[in-house]
C-alpha atoms as a PDB file:
ATOM      1  CA  MET A   1       0.000   0.000   0.000  1.00  0.00           C
ATOM      2  CA  LYS A   2       3.005   2.309   0.396  1.00  0.00           C
ATOM      3  CA  THR A   3       3.515   2.354  -3.352  1.00  0.00           C
ATOM      4  CA  TRP A   4      -0.154   3.100  -3.973  1.00  0.00           C
ATOM      5  CA  LYS A   5      -0.083   5.996  -1.526  1.00  0.00           C
ATOM      6  CA  LEU A   6       3.009   7.471  -3.141  1.00  0.00           C
ATOM      7  CA  VAL A   7       1.726   7.103  -6.701  1.00  0.00           C
ATOM      8  CA  SER A   8      -1.803   8.307  -5.973  1.00  0.00           C
ATOM      9  CA  GLY A   9      -0.451  11.202  -3.926  1.00  0.00           C
ATOM     10  CA  ILE A  10       1.854  12.385  -6.690  1.00  0.00           C
ATOM     11  CA  LEU A  11      -0.862  11.929  -9.335  1.00  0.00           C
ATOM     12  CA  SER A  12      -3.383  13.809  -7.216  1.00  0.00           C
ATOM     13  CA  MET A  13      -0.987  16.707  -6.766  1.00  0.00           C
ATOM     14  CA  ILE A  14      -0.288  16.828 -10.510  1.00  0.00           C
ATOM     15  CA  LEU A  15      -3.970  16.487 -11.422  1.00  0.00           C
ATOM     16  CA  PHE A  16      -4.752  19.395  -9.101  1.00  0.00           C
ATOM     17  CA  VAL A  17      -3.195  21.751 -11.643  1.00  0.00           C
ATOM     18  CA  LEU A  18      -5.363  20.368 -14.447  1.00  0.00           C
ATOM     19  CA  VAL A  19      -8.516  20.441 -12.338  1.00  0.00           C
ATOM     20  CA  ALA A  20      -7.794  24.011 -11.226  1.00  0.00           C
ATOM     21  CA  VAL A  21      -7.280  25.257 -14.788  1.00  0.00           C
ATOM     22  CA  GLN A  22     -10.407  23.480 -16.038  1.00  0.00           C
ATOM     23  CA  SER A  23     -12.438  24.747 -13.100  1.00  0.00           C
ATOM     24  CA  CYS A  24     -11.356  28.318 -13.712  1.00  0.00           C
ATOM     25  CA  ALA A  25     -12.375  27.964 -17.357  1.00  0.00           C
ATOM     26  CA  ALA A  26     -15.739  26.440 -16.383  1.00  0.00           C
ATOM     27  CA  GLY A  27     -16.286  29.213 -13.846  1.00  0.00           C
ATOM     28  CA  MET A  28     -15.521  31.812 -16.507  1.00  0.00           C
ATOM     29  CA  VAL A  29     -18.037  30.189 -18.864  1.00  0.00           C
ATOM     30  CA  ASN A  30     -20.631  30.156 -16.079  1.00  0.00           C
ATOM     31  CA  ALA A  31     -20.018  33.859 -15.447  1.00  0.00           C
ATOM     32  CA  LEU A  32     -20.077  34.853 -19.117  1.00  0.00           C
ATOM     33  CA  GLU A  33     -23.220  32.877 -19.902  1.00  0.00           C
ATOM     34  CA  ASN A  34     -24.840  34.006 -16.656  1.00  0.00           C
ATOM     35  CA  ASN A  35     -26.447  30.578 -16.381  1.00  0.00           C
ATOM     36  CA  GLY A  36     -26.303  30.307 -12.601  1.00  0.00           C
ATOM     37  CA  GLY A  37     -24.017  27.264 -12.750  1.00  0.00           C
ATOM     38  CA  SER A  38     -21.608  26.572  -9.930  1.00  0.00           C
ATOM     39  CA  SER A  39     -19.619  23.655 -11.325  1.00  0.00           C
ATOM     40  CA  GLY A  40     -16.491  25.796 -11.763  1.00  0.00           C
ATOM     41  CA  SER A  41     -16.485  26.807  -8.108  1.00  0.00           C
ATOM     42  CA  ILE A  42     -17.147  23.252  -6.998  1.00  0.00           C
ATOM     43  CA  GLY A  43     -14.278  22.119  -9.225  1.00  0.00           C
ATOM     44  CA  ILE A  44     -11.910  24.459  -7.384  1.00  0.00           C
ATOM     45  CA  PHE A  45     -12.927  22.903  -4.060  1.00  0.00           C
ATOM     46  CA  VAL A  46     -12.526  19.400  -5.490  1.00  0.00           C
ATOM     47  CA  GLY A  47      -9.066  20.346  -6.729  1.00  0.00           C
ATOM     48  CA  ILE A  48      -8.033  21.757  -3.361  1.00  0.00           C
ATOM     49  CA  LEU A  49      -9.253  18.603  -1.612  1.00  0.00           C
ATOM     50  CA  MET A  50      -7.342  16.508  -4.173  1.00  0.00           C
ATOM     51  CA  LEU A  51      -4.181  18.499  -3.454  1.00  0.00           C
ATOM     52  CA  ALA A  52      -4.642  18.094   0.305  1.00  0.00           C
ATOM     53  CA  GLY A  53      -5.344  14.378  -0.126  1.00  0.00           C
ATOM     54  CA  GLY A  54      -2.245  13.968  -2.272  1.00  0.00           C
ATOM     55  CA  ILE A  55      -0.067  15.698   0.303  1.00  0.00           C
ATOM     56  CA  VAL A  56      -1.510  13.592   3.135  1.00  0.00           C
ATOM     57  CA  SER A  57      -1.100  10.441   1.050  1.00  0.00           C
ATOM     58  CA  VAL A  58       2.592  11.069   0.419  1.00  0.00           C
ATOM     59  CA  ALA A  59       3.232  12.206   3.992  1.00  0.00           C
ATOM     60  CA  THR A  60       1.559   9.190   5.635  1.00  0.00           C
ATOM     61  CA  ARG A  61       2.628   6.442   3.257  1.00  0.00           C
ATOM     62  CA  LYS A  62       4.936   4.794   5.807  1.00  0.00           C
ATOM     63  CA  SER A  63       2.761   5.213   8.899  1.00  0.00           C
ATOM     64  CA  LYS A  64       1.306   2.148  10.579  1.00  0.00           C
ATOM     65  CA  GLY A  65      -1.623   3.919  12.255  1.00  0.00           C
ATOM     66  CA  LYS A  66      -5.152   4.496  10.996  1.00  0.00           C
ATOM     67  CA  GLY A  67      -5.097   8.299  11.216  1.00  0.00           C
ATOM     68  CA  GLY A  68      -3.627   8.909   7.770  1.00  0.00           C
ATOM     69  CA  ASN A  69      -6.068   6.535   6.102  1.00  0.00           C
ATOM     70  CA  ILE A  70      -9.009   8.129   7.897  1.00  0.00           C
ATOM     71  CA  ALA A  71      -7.846  11.560   6.752  1.00  0.00           C
ATOM     72  CA  LEU A  72      -7.488  10.269   3.182  1.00  0.00           C
ATOM     73  CA  PHE A  73     -10.969   8.780   3.279  1.00  0.00           C
ATOM     74  CA  ILE A  74     -12.458  12.058   4.507  1.00  0.00           C
ATOM     75  CA  LEU A  75     -10.568  14.275   2.040  1.00  0.00           C
ATOM     76  CA  PHE A  76     -11.064  12.123  -1.041  1.00  0.00           C
ATOM     77  CA  GLY A  77     -14.573  11.075  -0.036  1.00  0.00           C
ATOM     78  CA  LEU A  78     -15.661  14.677   0.403  1.00  0.00           C
ATOM     79  CA  ALA A  79     -14.078  15.597  -2.935  1.00  0.00           C
ATOM     80  CA  ALA A  80     -15.894  12.723  -4.660  1.00  0.00           C
ATOM     81  CA  LEU A  81     -19.195  13.654  -3.064  1.00  0.00           C
ATOM     82  CA  MET A  82     -18.850  17.290  -4.090  1.00  0.00           C
ATOM     83  CA  GLY A  83     -17.756  16.352  -7.603  1.00  0.00           C
ATOM     84  CA  PHE A  84     -20.618  13.961  -8.261  1.00  0.00           C
ATOM     85  CA  ALA A  85     -23.184  16.308  -6.722  1.00  0.00           C
ATOM     86  CA  GLY A  86     -22.240  19.477  -8.587  1.00  0.00           C
ATOM     87  CA  TYR A  87     -20.746  18.713 -11.977  1.00  0.00           C
ATOM     88  CA  GLY A  88     -23.325  20.696 -14.043  1.00  0.00           C
ATOM     89  CA  ASN A  89     -21.860  21.957 -17.320  1.00  0.00           C
ATOM     90  CA  TYR A  90     -18.316  20.951 -16.287  1.00  0.00           C
ATOM     91  CA  SER A  91     -18.649  17.277 -17.172  1.00  0.00           C
ATOM     92  CA  ASP A  92     -14.957  16.459 -16.596  1.00  0.00           C
ATOM     93  CA  LEU A  93     -15.629  16.943 -12.906  1.00  0.00           C
ATOM     94  CA  VAL A  94     -17.172  13.450 -12.899  1.00  0.00           C
ATOM     95  CA  ILE A  95     -13.808  12.013 -13.968  1.00  0.00           C
ATOM     96  CA  TRP A  96     -11.988  13.742 -11.117  1.00  0.00           C
ATOM     97  CA  ALA A  97     -14.723  12.737  -8.679  1.00  0.00           C
ATOM     98  CA  PHE A  98     -14.307   9.128  -9.783  1.00  0.00           C
ATOM     99  CA  TRP A  99     -10.532   9.383  -9.192  1.00  0.00           C
ATOM    100  CA  CYS A 100     -11.227  10.682  -5.697  1.00  0.00           C
ATOM    101  CA  LEU A 101     -13.728   7.877  -5.068  1.00  0.00           C
ATOM    102  CA  ILE A 102     -11.128   5.276  -6.038  1.00  0.00           C
ATOM    103  CA  ASN A 103      -8.632   6.849  -3.631  1.00  0.00           C
ATOM    104  CA  ALA A 104     -11.214   6.952  -0.826  1.00  0.00           C
ATOM    105  CA  ILE A 105     -12.054   3.273  -1.327  1.00  0.00           C
ATOM    106  CA  LEU A 106      -8.388   2.300  -1.389  1.00  0.00           C
ATOM    107  CA  ALA A 107      -7.824   4.248   1.843  1.00  0.00           C
ATOM    108  CA  ILE A 108     -10.482   2.058   3.481  1.00  0.00           C
ATOM    109  CA  VAL A 109      -8.833  -1.050   2.039  1.00  0.00           C
ATOM    110  CA  ALA A 110      -5.458   0.070   3.422  1.00  0.00           C
ATOM    111  CA  MET A 111      -7.012   0.687   6.832  1.00  0.00           C
ATOM    112  CA  ILE A 112      -8.582  -2.776   6.873  1.00  0.00           C
ATOM    113  CA  LYS A 113      -5.391  -4.403   5.639  1.00  0.00           C
ATOM    114  CA  ASN A 114      -3.319  -2.699   8.366  1.00  0.00           C
ATOM    115  CA  LYS A 115      -5.815  -3.835  11.016  1.00  0.00           C
ATOM    116  CA  LYS A 116      -5.273  -7.514  10.162  1.00  0.00           C
ATOM    117  CA  VAL A 117      -1.482  -7.334  10.304  1.00  0.00           C
END
């Protein structure tokens, strides 16, 4: 699980840049069209939670306790929930929400696996 935490953490930190740029563009489209959409703003929050989750994932990859995995579950789970709930006209947000959901599920798997050892 150490390798997964390192890889997913680095990927999440890199994907943050892409999510942030796309979210800013979606927010600009929402503002210009005056359509009342909020998917760009939600995308920024998803990106920030992805960045925080990536940092926590890399920082806690060698820890034996449950605290890091619980934090990962909360950060990535909240990002997935927000992404699925508010994608609107920014349809790529579903892809990033799915990435966060995978990370949240794997954090639970890591927590269960560490409990049995």
